[in-house]
Amino acid sequence: MPQQHILKIAEIFPSIQGEGLRQGEATLFIRLAGCNLECSFCDTKYAWKEGRKLSTAQVLEKVNKLRYHFPSQWVCLTGGEPLLQDLADLAKRLKKEGFKIQVETNGTLYLPLPVDWYSISPKPDKYFYRPEYREKAKEVKVILTKNLDFELIKRLREEFPERTPLLLQPQSNRKWSIILGTKLLRQALKAGLKNIRLSGQLHKVYGLR
C-alpha cells in the first residue's frame, strides 16, 4: 500500500469568503497550520502552531461531507501560510472532485499547482513576494498597518499589471486603519494610480467564522 501524504491542518469549515474580489461567495476553507512570517497583527495566530495531522484522503472526506450540506464549488487553501506544505496531491484531488481552488498566501513561496485564484498579501517590512505572482495573482491585498505608507502602495502598483487590483484592507476593520486606507486611496487617485480599491473583512461584519 502506498504511503499516504500527510498534512497538518488547523481547521476545515464552511463560510463565505470575507475578503478580496470573491467577497460574499460560499467557500469551504482548509486552514493549514504553520507560518513562516508570524506577523504581530495576524488574526489567525492559532494556526501558527496548532493543528492535527490528516492524510489527503481524510481532508477530502471532511470537505465532501461539508459540501453535502453546504454545496460550494470553491475551496480556499489558507493559513498560516499554506504553501509551507506540499499541496500538490491535495490540489490535484480537489480538482478531480470538481472544486475551484483559491490559495491565500503571503507570496514568499510558490508551488506550481492547478489553482484558479491566487490571492497574495505581501507583508512588512520588506513586502517580498515571488516574481511568479506578478502574472498569476488575481488580486493583491495590502493590510493597512500603522507603518504602511504611500511609497509602498506606489511600488506595488508599479510592479503588478494594471489589470490586477491592489486592495487596501483595514487591519481587522479597525477605525484607525480604515482612516489610513481612505487617506492612501486619495493619494493614489491624485497620483494617477489605477485599479486601487478599498476592501474589508465581510465575515467579521456578519459575525461569521
N, C-alpha and C. Protein backbone atom coordinates (compact mmCIF):
# COMPACT_ATOMS: atom_id res chain seq x y z
N MET A 1 0.85 -1.19 0.00
CA MET A 1 0.00 0.00 0.00
C MET A 1 0.89 1.25 0.00
N PRO A 2 0.64 2.21 -0.94
CA PRO A 2 1.47 3.41 -0.99
C PRO A 2 1.27 4.26 0.27
N GLN A 3 2.35 4.95 0.65
CA GLN A 3 2.28 5.78 1.85
C GLN A 3 1.39 6.99 1.60
N GLN A 4 0.52 7.28 2.57
CA GLN A 4 -0.40 8.41 2.42
C GLN A 4 0.30 9.72 2.72
N HIS A 5 -0.02 10.74 1.90
CA HIS A 5 0.55 12.06 2.14
C HIS A 5 -0.16 12.70 3.34
N ILE A 6 0.64 13.24 4.26
CA ILE A 6 0.09 13.80 5.50
C ILE A 6 0.24 15.31 5.51
N LEU A 7 -0.83 15.99 5.91
CA LEU A 7 -0.84 17.44 6.05
C LEU A 7 -1.17 17.81 7.50
N LYS A 8 -0.67 18.94 7.93
CA LYS A 8 -1.02 19.45 9.25
C LYS A 8 -2.10 20.51 9.08
N ILE A 9 -3.28 20.22 9.58
CA ILE A 9 -4.47 21.04 9.35
C ILE A 9 -4.92 21.72 10.64
N ALA A 10 -5.12 23.03 10.58
CA ALA A 10 -5.63 23.76 11.74
C ALA A 10 -7.15 23.61 11.86
N GLU A 11 -7.85 23.73 10.73
CA GLU A 11 -9.30 23.59 10.75
C GLU A 11 -9.83 23.49 9.32
N ILE A 12 -11.03 22.91 9.21
CA ILE A 12 -11.75 22.83 7.94
C ILE A 12 -13.19 23.25 8.24
N PHE A 13 -13.69 24.24 7.51
CA PHE A 13 -15.02 24.76 7.85
C PHE A 13 -15.66 25.46 6.65
N PRO A 14 -17.01 25.54 6.66
CA PRO A 14 -17.72 26.27 5.61
C PRO A 14 -18.00 27.71 6.06
N SER A 15 -17.94 28.63 5.12
CA SER A 15 -18.27 30.02 5.42
C SER A 15 -18.43 30.76 4.10
N ILE A 16 -18.40 32.08 4.17
CA ILE A 16 -18.30 32.88 2.95
C ILE A 16 -16.88 33.42 2.86
N GLN A 17 -16.45 33.71 1.65
CA GLN A 17 -15.16 34.38 1.50
C GLN A 17 -15.38 35.84 1.91
N GLY A 18 -14.71 36.25 2.97
CA GLY A 18 -14.94 37.59 3.51
C GLY A 18 -14.03 38.66 2.95
N GLU A 19 -13.02 38.26 2.18
CA GLU A 19 -12.01 39.22 1.73
C GLU A 19 -11.83 39.17 0.21
N GLY A 20 -11.39 40.29 -0.34
CA GLY A 20 -11.00 40.32 -1.75
C GLY A 20 -12.15 40.33 -2.73
N LEU A 21 -11.82 40.08 -3.99
CA LEU A 21 -12.81 40.17 -5.06
C LEU A 21 -13.85 39.06 -5.01
N ARG A 22 -13.55 37.95 -4.32
CA ARG A 22 -14.52 36.86 -4.19
C ARG A 22 -15.40 37.05 -2.94
N GLN A 23 -15.37 38.21 -2.39
CA GLN A 23 -16.11 38.50 -1.16
C GLN A 23 -17.59 38.14 -1.30
N GLY A 24 -18.11 37.40 -0.32
CA GLY A 24 -19.52 37.04 -0.29
C GLY A 24 -19.84 35.68 -0.88
N GLU A 25 -18.88 35.04 -1.55
CA GLU A 25 -19.15 33.73 -2.17
C GLU A 25 -19.00 32.60 -1.16
N ALA A 26 -19.91 31.65 -1.24
CA ALA A 26 -19.82 30.46 -0.39
C ALA A 26 -18.51 29.72 -0.67
N THR A 27 -17.83 29.34 0.41
CA THR A 27 -16.49 28.75 0.26
C THR A 27 -16.24 27.75 1.38
N LEU A 28 -15.57 26.66 1.04
CA LEU A 28 -15.10 25.70 2.04
C LEU A 28 -13.62 26.01 2.30
N PHE A 29 -13.29 26.25 3.56
CA PHE A 29 -11.93 26.66 3.92
C PHE A 29 -11.15 25.48 4.51
N ILE A 30 -9.93 25.32 4.01
CA ILE A 30 -8.97 24.39 4.59
C ILE A 30 -7.82 25.24 5.11
N ARG A 31 -7.76 25.40 6.43
CA ARG A 31 -6.70 26.22 7.02
C ARG A 31 -5.55 25.32 7.44
N LEU A 32 -4.41 25.52 6.80
CA LEU A 32 -3.24 24.71 7.10
C LEU A 32 -2.43 25.35 8.21
N ALA A 33 -1.80 24.52 9.01
CA ALA A 33 -1.04 25.00 10.17
C ALA A 33 0.38 25.39 9.76
N GLY A 34 0.94 26.37 10.48
CA GLY A 34 2.30 26.81 10.25
C GLY A 34 2.37 28.11 9.48
N CYS A 35 3.38 28.92 9.81
CA CYS A 35 3.60 30.17 9.10
C CYS A 35 5.08 30.52 9.16
N ASN A 36 5.57 31.10 8.08
CA ASN A 36 6.98 31.49 8.03
C ASN A 36 7.22 32.95 8.36
N LEU A 37 6.16 33.71 8.64
CA LEU A 37 6.32 35.13 8.95
C LEU A 37 5.84 35.48 10.36
N GLU A 38 4.67 34.96 10.76
CA GLU A 38 4.10 35.21 12.09
C GLU A 38 4.02 36.70 12.41
N CYS A 39 3.26 37.43 11.60
CA CYS A 39 3.09 38.87 11.78
C CYS A 39 2.35 39.19 13.08
N SER A 40 2.72 40.28 13.72
CA SER A 40 2.13 40.66 15.00
C SER A 40 0.63 40.96 14.88
N PHE A 41 0.20 41.42 13.71
CA PHE A 41 -1.19 41.82 13.50
C PHE A 41 -2.06 40.68 12.97
N CYS A 42 -1.51 39.49 12.84
CA CYS A 42 -2.26 38.35 12.30
C CYS A 42 -3.50 38.06 13.15
N ASP A 43 -4.63 37.76 12.48
CA ASP A 43 -5.86 37.45 13.22
C ASP A 43 -6.15 35.95 13.27
N THR A 44 -5.19 35.14 12.83
CA THR A 44 -5.33 33.68 12.95
C THR A 44 -4.04 33.08 13.54
N LYS A 45 -3.57 33.67 14.62
CA LYS A 45 -2.31 33.21 15.22
C LYS A 45 -2.39 31.76 15.70
N TYR A 46 -3.58 31.30 16.01
CA TYR A 46 -3.73 29.92 16.47
C TYR A 46 -3.28 28.92 15.40
N ALA A 47 -3.27 29.36 14.14
CA ALA A 47 -2.87 28.45 13.06
C ALA A 47 -1.36 28.32 12.92
N TRP A 48 -0.61 29.15 13.63
CA TRP A 48 0.86 29.07 13.52
C TRP A 48 1.37 27.73 14.04
N LYS A 49 0.83 27.28 15.17
CA LYS A 49 1.34 26.09 15.83
C LYS A 49 0.33 24.95 15.90
N GLU A 50 -0.93 25.31 16.16
CA GLU A 50 -1.95 24.29 16.36
C GLU A 50 -2.28 23.56 15.06
N GLY A 51 -2.76 22.37 15.19
CA GLY A 51 -3.16 21.59 14.03
C GLY A 51 -3.01 20.11 14.28
N ARG A 52 -3.72 19.33 13.48
CA ARG A 52 -3.59 17.88 13.60
C ARG A 52 -3.25 17.29 12.25
N LYS A 53 -2.58 16.17 12.31
CA LYS A 53 -2.12 15.51 11.09
C LYS A 53 -3.25 14.70 10.46
N LEU A 54 -3.52 15.01 9.20
CA LEU A 54 -4.55 14.29 8.45
C LEU A 54 -3.97 13.89 7.10
N SER A 55 -4.38 12.73 6.61
CA SER A 55 -3.99 12.33 5.27
C SER A 55 -4.81 13.13 4.25
N THR A 56 -4.34 13.18 3.03
CA THR A 56 -5.10 13.85 1.98
C THR A 56 -6.49 13.24 1.85
N ALA A 57 -6.58 11.94 1.97
CA ALA A 57 -7.88 11.26 1.88
C ALA A 57 -8.82 11.71 3.00
N GLN A 58 -8.29 11.88 4.20
CA GLN A 58 -9.11 12.34 5.33
C GLN A 58 -9.59 13.78 5.13
N VAL A 59 -8.72 14.61 4.58
CA VAL A 59 -9.10 16.00 4.29
C VAL A 59 -10.23 16.02 3.26
N LEU A 60 -10.08 15.25 2.21
CA LEU A 60 -11.11 15.19 1.17
C LEU A 60 -12.43 14.66 1.71
N GLU A 61 -12.36 13.68 2.60
CA GLU A 61 -13.58 13.14 3.19
C GLU A 61 -14.33 14.22 3.97
N LYS A 62 -13.59 15.00 4.74
CA LYS A 62 -14.21 16.07 5.52
C LYS A 62 -14.80 17.15 4.62
N VAL A 63 -14.07 17.50 3.58
CA VAL A 63 -14.54 18.53 2.64
C VAL A 63 -15.81 18.07 1.93
N ASN A 64 -15.84 16.83 1.50
CA ASN A 64 -17.02 16.33 0.80
C ASN A 64 -18.23 16.21 1.71
N LYS A 65 -18.02 15.89 2.99
CA LYS A 65 -19.13 15.88 3.94
C LYS A 65 -19.70 17.27 4.13
N LEU A 66 -18.82 18.27 4.20
CA LEU A 66 -19.27 19.66 4.33
C LEU A 66 -20.02 20.10 3.07
N ARG A 67 -19.51 19.69 1.92
CA ARG A 67 -20.15 20.10 0.66
C ARG A 67 -21.57 19.53 0.54
N TYR A 68 -21.81 18.38 1.14
CA TYR A 68 -23.15 17.79 1.08
C TYR A 68 -24.19 18.73 1.70
N HIS A 69 -23.81 19.41 2.80
CA HIS A 69 -24.73 20.32 3.49
C HIS A 69 -24.54 21.79 3.06
N PHE A 70 -23.37 22.08 2.49
CA PHE A 70 -23.01 23.46 2.11
C PHE A 70 -22.37 23.38 0.72
N PRO A 71 -23.22 23.25 -0.31
CA PRO A 71 -22.73 22.93 -1.65
C PRO A 71 -22.00 24.08 -2.35
N SER A 72 -20.77 24.32 -1.92
CA SER A 72 -19.93 25.34 -2.54
C SER A 72 -19.04 24.71 -3.60
N GLN A 73 -18.80 25.46 -4.67
CA GLN A 73 -17.88 24.98 -5.70
C GLN A 73 -16.44 25.43 -5.44
N TRP A 74 -16.26 26.30 -4.43
CA TRP A 74 -14.94 26.85 -4.13
C TRP A 74 -14.36 26.25 -2.85
N VAL A 75 -13.05 25.95 -2.92
CA VAL A 75 -12.27 25.62 -1.74
C VAL A 75 -11.15 26.64 -1.63
N CYS A 76 -10.94 27.17 -0.44
CA CYS A 76 -9.85 28.11 -0.20
C CYS A 76 -8.81 27.46 0.70
N LEU A 77 -7.59 27.38 0.21
CA LEU A 77 -6.45 26.89 0.99
C LEU A 77 -5.77 28.09 1.62
N THR A 78 -5.82 28.15 2.94
CA THR A 78 -5.35 29.32 3.65
C THR A 78 -4.52 28.89 4.85
N GLY A 79 -4.11 29.86 5.67
CA GLY A 79 -3.26 29.51 6.81
C GLY A 79 -3.46 30.49 7.95
N GLY A 80 -2.36 30.78 8.69
CA GLY A 80 -0.98 30.42 8.40
C GLY A 80 -0.52 30.74 6.98
N GLU A 81 0.47 29.98 6.56
CA GLU A 81 0.95 30.05 5.18
C GLU A 81 0.82 28.66 4.58
N PRO A 82 -0.19 28.45 3.74
CA PRO A 82 -0.48 27.11 3.24
C PRO A 82 0.64 26.50 2.39
N LEU A 83 1.42 27.34 1.71
CA LEU A 83 2.42 26.81 0.79
C LEU A 83 3.69 26.33 1.49
N LEU A 84 3.72 26.37 2.81
CA LEU A 84 4.80 25.73 3.55
C LEU A 84 4.71 24.21 3.42
N GLN A 85 3.51 23.72 3.10
CA GLN A 85 3.30 22.28 2.98
C GLN A 85 3.12 21.89 1.51
N ASP A 86 3.41 20.65 1.21
CA ASP A 86 3.28 20.14 -0.15
C ASP A 86 1.81 19.88 -0.45
N LEU A 87 1.21 20.74 -1.26
CA LEU A 87 -0.22 20.67 -1.54
C LEU A 87 -0.54 20.05 -2.89
N ALA A 88 0.47 19.52 -3.56
CA ALA A 88 0.27 19.02 -4.92
C ALA A 88 -0.81 17.93 -4.99
N ASP A 89 -0.74 16.95 -4.10
CA ASP A 89 -1.70 15.85 -4.12
C ASP A 89 -3.10 16.34 -3.76
N LEU A 90 -3.18 17.18 -2.74
CA LEU A 90 -4.48 17.72 -2.32
C LEU A 90 -5.12 18.53 -3.44
N ALA A 91 -4.35 19.42 -4.06
CA ALA A 91 -4.89 20.26 -5.13
C ALA A 91 -5.36 19.41 -6.31
N LYS A 92 -4.57 18.42 -6.67
CA LYS A 92 -4.93 17.54 -7.79
C LYS A 92 -6.25 16.82 -7.50
N ARG A 93 -6.40 16.35 -6.27
CA ARG A 93 -7.60 15.58 -5.94
C ARG A 93 -8.82 16.49 -5.75
N LEU A 94 -8.62 17.70 -5.30
CA LEU A 94 -9.72 18.66 -5.21
C LEU A 94 -10.25 19.00 -6.60
N LYS A 95 -9.33 19.19 -7.55
CA LYS A 95 -9.75 19.47 -8.92
C LYS A 95 -10.51 18.28 -9.50
N LYS A 96 -10.04 17.08 -9.18
CA LYS A 96 -10.71 15.87 -9.67
C LYS A 96 -12.13 15.78 -9.14
N GLU A 97 -12.35 16.33 -7.93
CA GLU A 97 -13.68 16.34 -7.31
C GLU A 97 -14.56 17.47 -7.87
N GLY A 98 -13.98 18.30 -8.73
CA GLY A 98 -14.76 19.36 -9.37
C GLY A 98 -14.72 20.70 -8.68
N PHE A 99 -13.83 20.87 -7.72
CA PHE A 99 -13.74 22.15 -7.00
C PHE A 99 -12.90 23.18 -7.77
N LYS A 100 -13.23 24.43 -7.55
CA LYS A 100 -12.35 25.53 -7.91
C LYS A 100 -11.49 25.84 -6.68
N ILE A 101 -10.23 26.17 -6.91
CA ILE A 101 -9.30 26.33 -5.80
C ILE A 101 -8.76 27.76 -5.72
N GLN A 102 -8.88 28.33 -4.53
CA GLN A 102 -8.24 29.60 -4.22
C GLN A 102 -7.13 29.35 -3.21
N VAL A 103 -6.00 30.02 -3.38
CA VAL A 103 -4.92 29.96 -2.40
C VAL A 103 -4.68 31.37 -1.87
N GLU A 104 -4.71 31.51 -0.55
CA GLU A 104 -4.36 32.77 0.11
C GLU A 104 -2.94 32.62 0.67
N THR A 105 -2.03 33.44 0.19
CA THR A 105 -0.62 33.29 0.54
C THR A 105 0.04 34.65 0.78
N ASN A 106 1.10 34.65 1.58
CA ASN A 106 1.85 35.89 1.76
C ASN A 106 2.80 36.14 0.58
N GLY A 107 2.90 35.18 -0.31
CA GLY A 107 3.66 35.38 -1.54
C GLY A 107 5.13 35.03 -1.48
N THR A 108 5.63 34.65 -0.32
CA THR A 108 7.06 34.36 -0.19
C THR A 108 7.43 32.99 -0.76
N LEU A 109 6.42 32.15 -0.99
CA LEU A 109 6.65 30.80 -1.51
C LEU A 109 5.75 30.59 -2.73
N TYR A 110 6.22 29.74 -3.64
CA TYR A 110 5.41 29.44 -4.82
C TYR A 110 5.51 27.96 -5.15
N LEU A 111 4.38 27.35 -5.45
CA LEU A 111 4.33 25.97 -5.92
C LEU A 111 3.47 25.93 -7.19
N PRO A 112 3.90 25.21 -8.22
CA PRO A 112 3.10 25.12 -9.45
C PRO A 112 1.91 24.18 -9.25
N LEU A 113 0.81 24.74 -8.83
CA LEU A 113 -0.39 23.97 -8.51
C LEU A 113 -1.52 24.32 -9.48
N PRO A 114 -2.52 23.44 -9.65
CA PRO A 114 -3.67 23.73 -10.51
C PRO A 114 -4.67 24.63 -9.79
N VAL A 115 -4.26 25.88 -9.59
CA VAL A 115 -5.04 26.83 -8.80
C VAL A 115 -5.80 27.79 -9.72
N ASP A 116 -7.05 28.08 -9.36
CA ASP A 116 -7.86 29.01 -10.14
C ASP A 116 -7.68 30.45 -9.71
N TRP A 117 -7.27 30.64 -8.44
CA TRP A 117 -7.26 32.01 -7.91
C TRP A 117 -6.17 32.15 -6.84
N TYR A 118 -5.10 32.85 -7.19
CA TYR A 118 -4.09 33.18 -6.19
C TYR A 118 -4.40 34.57 -5.62
N SER A 119 -4.56 34.62 -4.32
CA SER A 119 -4.73 35.89 -3.61
C SER A 119 -3.49 36.10 -2.76
N ILE A 120 -2.67 37.09 -3.12
CA ILE A 120 -1.43 37.27 -2.36
C ILE A 120 -1.50 38.52 -1.50
N SER A 121 -0.85 38.44 -0.37
CA SER A 121 -0.83 39.55 0.58
C SER A 121 0.60 39.72 1.12
N PRO A 122 1.44 40.46 0.39
CA PRO A 122 2.82 40.68 0.86
C PRO A 122 2.82 41.37 2.22
N LYS A 123 3.79 41.02 3.05
CA LYS A 123 3.80 41.50 4.43
C LYS A 123 5.06 42.33 4.73
N PRO A 124 4.93 43.24 5.74
CA PRO A 124 6.07 44.07 6.14
C PRO A 124 7.16 43.22 6.78
N ASP A 125 8.40 43.77 6.79
CA ASP A 125 8.68 45.14 6.39
C ASP A 125 9.17 45.26 4.96
N LYS A 126 9.59 44.16 4.36
CA LYS A 126 10.14 44.22 3.01
C LYS A 126 9.09 43.99 1.92
N TYR A 127 7.95 43.42 2.29
CA TYR A 127 6.88 43.13 1.32
C TYR A 127 7.41 42.29 0.15
N PHE A 128 8.25 41.32 0.47
CA PHE A 128 8.81 40.43 -0.55
C PHE A 128 7.75 39.45 -1.03
N TYR A 129 7.79 39.16 -2.33
CA TYR A 129 6.94 38.11 -2.88
C TYR A 129 7.67 37.49 -4.08
N ARG A 130 7.31 36.27 -4.40
CA ARG A 130 7.93 35.59 -5.53
C ARG A 130 7.47 36.22 -6.85
N PRO A 131 8.38 36.39 -7.81
CA PRO A 131 8.03 37.08 -9.07
C PRO A 131 6.96 36.38 -9.88
N GLU A 132 6.76 35.07 -9.69
CA GLU A 132 5.72 34.36 -10.44
C GLU A 132 4.34 34.99 -10.24
N TYR A 133 4.14 35.60 -9.09
CA TYR A 133 2.81 36.14 -8.77
C TYR A 133 2.48 37.41 -9.55
N ARG A 134 3.47 38.03 -10.15
CA ARG A 134 3.16 39.24 -10.92
C ARG A 134 2.20 38.94 -12.06
N GLU A 135 2.25 37.73 -12.58
CA GLU A 135 1.33 37.33 -13.63
C GLU A 135 0.20 36.43 -13.11
N LYS A 136 0.46 35.68 -12.06
CA LYS A 136 -0.51 34.68 -11.60
C LYS A 136 -1.52 35.21 -10.58
N ALA A 137 -1.18 36.26 -9.85
CA ALA A 137 -2.09 36.76 -8.81
C ALA A 137 -3.35 37.37 -9.43
N LYS A 138 -4.50 37.00 -8.87
CA LYS A 138 -5.77 37.60 -9.28
C LYS A 138 -6.02 38.90 -8.52
N GLU A 139 -5.37 39.05 -7.36
CA GLU A 139 -5.54 40.24 -6.53
C GLU A 139 -4.35 40.32 -5.58
N VAL A 140 -4.06 41.55 -5.16
CA VAL A 140 -3.00 41.80 -4.18
C VAL A 140 -3.64 42.54 -3.01
N LYS A 141 -3.63 41.90 -1.84
CA LYS A 141 -4.21 42.51 -0.64
C LYS A 141 -3.08 43.11 0.20
N VAL A 142 -3.25 44.38 0.54
CA VAL A 142 -2.27 45.07 1.38
C VAL A 142 -2.95 45.42 2.70
N ILE A 143 -2.47 44.86 3.80
CA ILE A 143 -3.06 45.14 5.10
C ILE A 143 -2.62 46.53 5.55
N LEU A 144 -3.59 47.32 5.98
CA LEU A 144 -3.33 48.71 6.36
C LEU A 144 -2.78 48.78 7.79
N THR A 145 -1.50 48.47 7.92
CA THR A 145 -0.82 48.55 9.21
C THR A 145 -0.37 49.98 9.47
N LYS A 146 0.00 50.27 10.71
CA LYS A 146 0.31 51.65 11.09
C LYS A 146 1.51 52.23 10.35
N ASN A 147 2.44 51.37 9.92
CA ASN A 147 3.64 51.86 9.25
C ASN A 147 3.53 51.87 7.73
N LEU A 148 2.39 51.50 7.19
CA LEU A 148 2.22 51.48 5.75
C LEU A 148 2.21 52.91 5.21
N ASP A 149 2.94 53.15 4.12
CA ASP A 149 2.95 54.49 3.54
C ASP A 149 2.67 54.44 2.04
N PHE A 150 2.52 55.61 1.46
CA PHE A 150 2.14 55.71 0.05
C PHE A 150 3.22 55.15 -0.87
N GLU A 151 4.48 55.28 -0.51
CA GLU A 151 5.56 54.80 -1.37
C GLU A 151 5.47 53.29 -1.59
N LEU A 152 5.04 52.57 -0.58
CA LEU A 152 4.87 51.12 -0.74
C LEU A 152 3.71 50.81 -1.69
N ILE A 153 2.61 51.56 -1.55
CA ILE A 153 1.47 51.39 -2.45
C ILE A 153 1.90 51.67 -3.89
N LYS A 154 2.64 52.72 -4.07
CA LYS A 154 3.12 53.10 -5.41
C LYS A 154 4.03 52.01 -5.98
N ARG A 155 4.92 51.49 -5.16
CA ARG A 155 5.84 50.44 -5.61
C ARG A 155 5.10 49.19 -6.07
N LEU A 156 4.15 48.73 -5.25
CA LEU A 156 3.40 47.54 -5.61
C LEU A 156 2.56 47.76 -6.87
N ARG A 157 1.97 48.94 -6.98
CA ARG A 157 1.16 49.23 -8.17
C ARG A 157 2.01 49.18 -9.44
N GLU A 158 3.22 49.66 -9.34
CA GLU A 158 4.12 49.66 -10.50
C GLU A 158 4.60 48.25 -10.84
N GLU A 159 4.69 47.37 -9.84
CA GLU A 159 5.25 46.04 -10.06
C GLU A 159 4.24 45.05 -10.63
N PHE A 160 2.95 45.27 -10.38
CA PHE A 160 1.92 44.35 -10.87
C PHE A 160 1.21 44.94 -12.08
N PRO A 161 0.71 44.09 -12.98
CA PRO A 161 -0.05 44.59 -14.13
C PRO A 161 -1.26 45.40 -13.67
N GLU A 162 -1.63 46.38 -14.45
CA GLU A 162 -2.74 47.25 -14.07
C GLU A 162 -4.04 46.48 -13.92
N ARG A 163 -4.17 45.34 -14.62
CA ARG A 163 -5.40 44.54 -14.53
C ARG A 163 -5.57 43.90 -13.16
N THR A 164 -4.47 43.77 -12.41
CA THR A 164 -4.52 43.13 -11.09
C THR A 164 -4.85 44.18 -10.03
N PRO A 165 -6.01 44.09 -9.39
CA PRO A 165 -6.37 45.10 -8.40
C PRO A 165 -5.51 45.05 -7.15
N LEU A 166 -5.20 46.22 -6.65
CA LEU A 166 -4.50 46.36 -5.37
C LEU A 166 -5.54 46.74 -4.33
N LEU A 167 -5.77 45.86 -3.35
CA LEU A 167 -6.84 46.04 -2.38
C LEU A 167 -6.27 46.50 -1.05
N LEU A 168 -6.73 47.66 -0.58
CA LEU A 168 -6.28 48.19 0.71
C LEU A 168 -7.23 47.68 1.78
N GLN A 169 -6.75 46.77 2.59
CA GLN A 169 -7.61 46.09 3.56
C GLN A 169 -7.31 46.52 4.98
N PRO A 170 -8.29 47.12 5.67
CA PRO A 170 -8.07 47.54 7.06
C PRO A 170 -7.68 46.38 7.97
N GLN A 171 -6.85 46.67 8.93
CA GLN A 171 -6.41 45.67 9.91
C GLN A 171 -7.56 45.36 10.86
N SER A 172 -8.17 44.18 10.65
CA SER A 172 -9.30 43.73 11.48
C SER A 172 -10.43 44.77 11.56
N ASN A 173 -10.64 45.51 10.45
CA ASN A 173 -11.72 46.50 10.35
C ASN A 173 -11.62 47.62 11.40
N ARG A 174 -10.42 47.88 11.91
CA ARG A 174 -10.26 48.91 12.94
C ARG A 174 -10.39 50.32 12.35
N LYS A 175 -10.94 51.23 13.15
CA LYS A 175 -11.26 52.56 12.63
C LYS A 175 -10.03 53.30 12.15
N TRP A 176 -8.93 53.28 12.94
CA TRP A 176 -7.72 53.99 12.53
C TRP A 176 -7.19 53.45 11.21
N SER A 177 -7.35 52.17 10.98
CA SER A 177 -6.87 51.53 9.76
C SER A 177 -7.75 51.90 8.58
N ILE A 178 -9.05 52.02 8.82
CA ILE A 178 -9.98 52.47 7.78
C ILE A 178 -9.65 53.90 7.36
N ILE A 179 -9.37 54.76 8.33
CA ILE A 179 -9.00 56.15 8.04
C ILE A 179 -7.72 56.20 7.20
N LEU A 180 -6.74 55.37 7.58
CA LEU A 180 -5.50 55.31 6.81
C LEU A 180 -5.77 54.87 5.38
N GLY A 181 -6.65 53.90 5.21
CA GLY A 181 -6.97 53.41 3.87
C GLY A 181 -7.57 54.48 2.98
N THR A 182 -8.50 55.27 3.52
CA THR A 182 -9.11 56.33 2.71
C THR A 182 -8.08 57.41 2.36
N LYS A 183 -7.15 57.69 3.29
CA LYS A 183 -6.09 58.66 3.03
C LYS A 183 -5.18 58.18 1.90
N LEU A 184 -4.78 56.90 1.95
CA LEU A 184 -3.89 56.36 0.93
C LEU A 184 -4.59 56.26 -0.42
N LEU A 185 -5.89 55.96 -0.41
CA LEU A 185 -6.63 55.90 -1.67
C LEU A 185 -6.67 57.28 -2.33
N ARG A 186 -6.90 58.32 -1.54
CA ARG A 186 -6.90 59.67 -2.10
C ARG A 186 -5.54 60.01 -2.72
N GLN A 187 -4.48 59.64 -2.02
CA GLN A 187 -3.14 59.89 -2.54
C GLN A 187 -2.92 59.15 -3.85
N ALA A 188 -3.39 57.92 -3.91
CA ALA A 188 -3.23 57.12 -5.12
C ALA A 188 -4.00 57.73 -6.29
N LEU A 189 -5.20 58.21 -6.03
CA LEU A 189 -6.01 58.83 -7.08
C LEU A 189 -5.33 60.09 -7.60
N LYS A 190 -4.82 60.90 -6.69
CA LYS A 190 -4.15 62.14 -7.09
C LYS A 190 -2.89 61.86 -7.90
N ALA A 191 -2.24 60.75 -7.61
CA ALA A 191 -1.01 60.38 -8.31
C ALA A 191 -1.29 59.67 -9.63
N GLY A 192 -2.57 59.41 -9.91
CA GLY A 192 -2.93 58.76 -11.17
C GLY A 192 -2.76 57.26 -11.17
N LEU A 193 -2.66 56.63 -10.00
CA LEU A 193 -2.52 55.18 -9.94
C LEU A 193 -3.86 54.51 -10.21
N LYS A 194 -3.82 53.44 -10.98
CA LYS A 194 -5.05 52.77 -11.42
C LYS A 194 -5.32 51.48 -10.64
N ASN A 195 -6.61 51.15 -10.57
CA ASN A 195 -7.09 49.86 -10.02
C ASN A 195 -6.62 49.63 -8.58
N ILE A 196 -6.79 50.66 -7.76
CA ILE A 196 -6.56 50.53 -6.33
C ILE A 196 -7.90 50.71 -5.64
N ARG A 197 -8.23 49.80 -4.73
CA ARG A 197 -9.57 49.79 -4.13
C ARG A 197 -9.49 49.62 -2.62
N LEU A 198 -10.50 50.15 -1.95
CA LEU A 198 -10.66 49.88 -0.53
C LEU A 198 -11.36 48.53 -0.37
N SER A 199 -10.97 47.80 0.66
CA SER A 199 -11.56 46.49 0.91
C SER A 199 -11.93 46.38 2.38
N GLY A 200 -12.29 45.19 2.81
CA GLY A 200 -12.66 44.98 4.21
C GLY A 200 -12.77 43.49 4.49
N GLN A 201 -13.26 43.16 5.68
CA GLN A 201 -13.45 41.76 6.08
C GLN A 201 -14.93 41.53 6.36
N LEU A 202 -15.63 41.10 5.32
CA LEU A 202 -17.09 40.97 5.39
C LEU A 202 -17.53 39.94 6.42
N HIS A 203 -16.76 38.87 6.58
CA HIS A 203 -17.15 37.82 7.52
C HIS A 203 -17.19 38.34 8.95
N LYS A 204 -16.36 39.34 9.26
CA LYS A 204 -16.38 39.92 10.61
C LYS A 204 -17.57 40.85 10.80
N VAL A 205 -17.99 41.50 9.73
CA VAL A 205 -19.19 42.34 9.79
C VAL A 205 -20.42 41.47 10.07
N TYR A 206 -20.47 40.30 9.44
CA TYR A 206 -21.61 39.39 9.60
C TYR A 206 -21.47 38.47 10.81
N GLY A 207 -20.33 38.52 11.47
CA GLY A 207 -20.10 37.67 12.64
C GLY A 207 -19.92 36.21 12.29
N LEU A 208 -19.31 35.97 11.10
CA LEU A 208 -19.07 34.60 10.66
C LEU A 208 -17.63 34.21 10.91
N ARG A 209 -17.37 32.94 10.80
CA ARG A 209 -16.04 32.39 11.05
C ARG A 209 -15.07 32.85 9.97
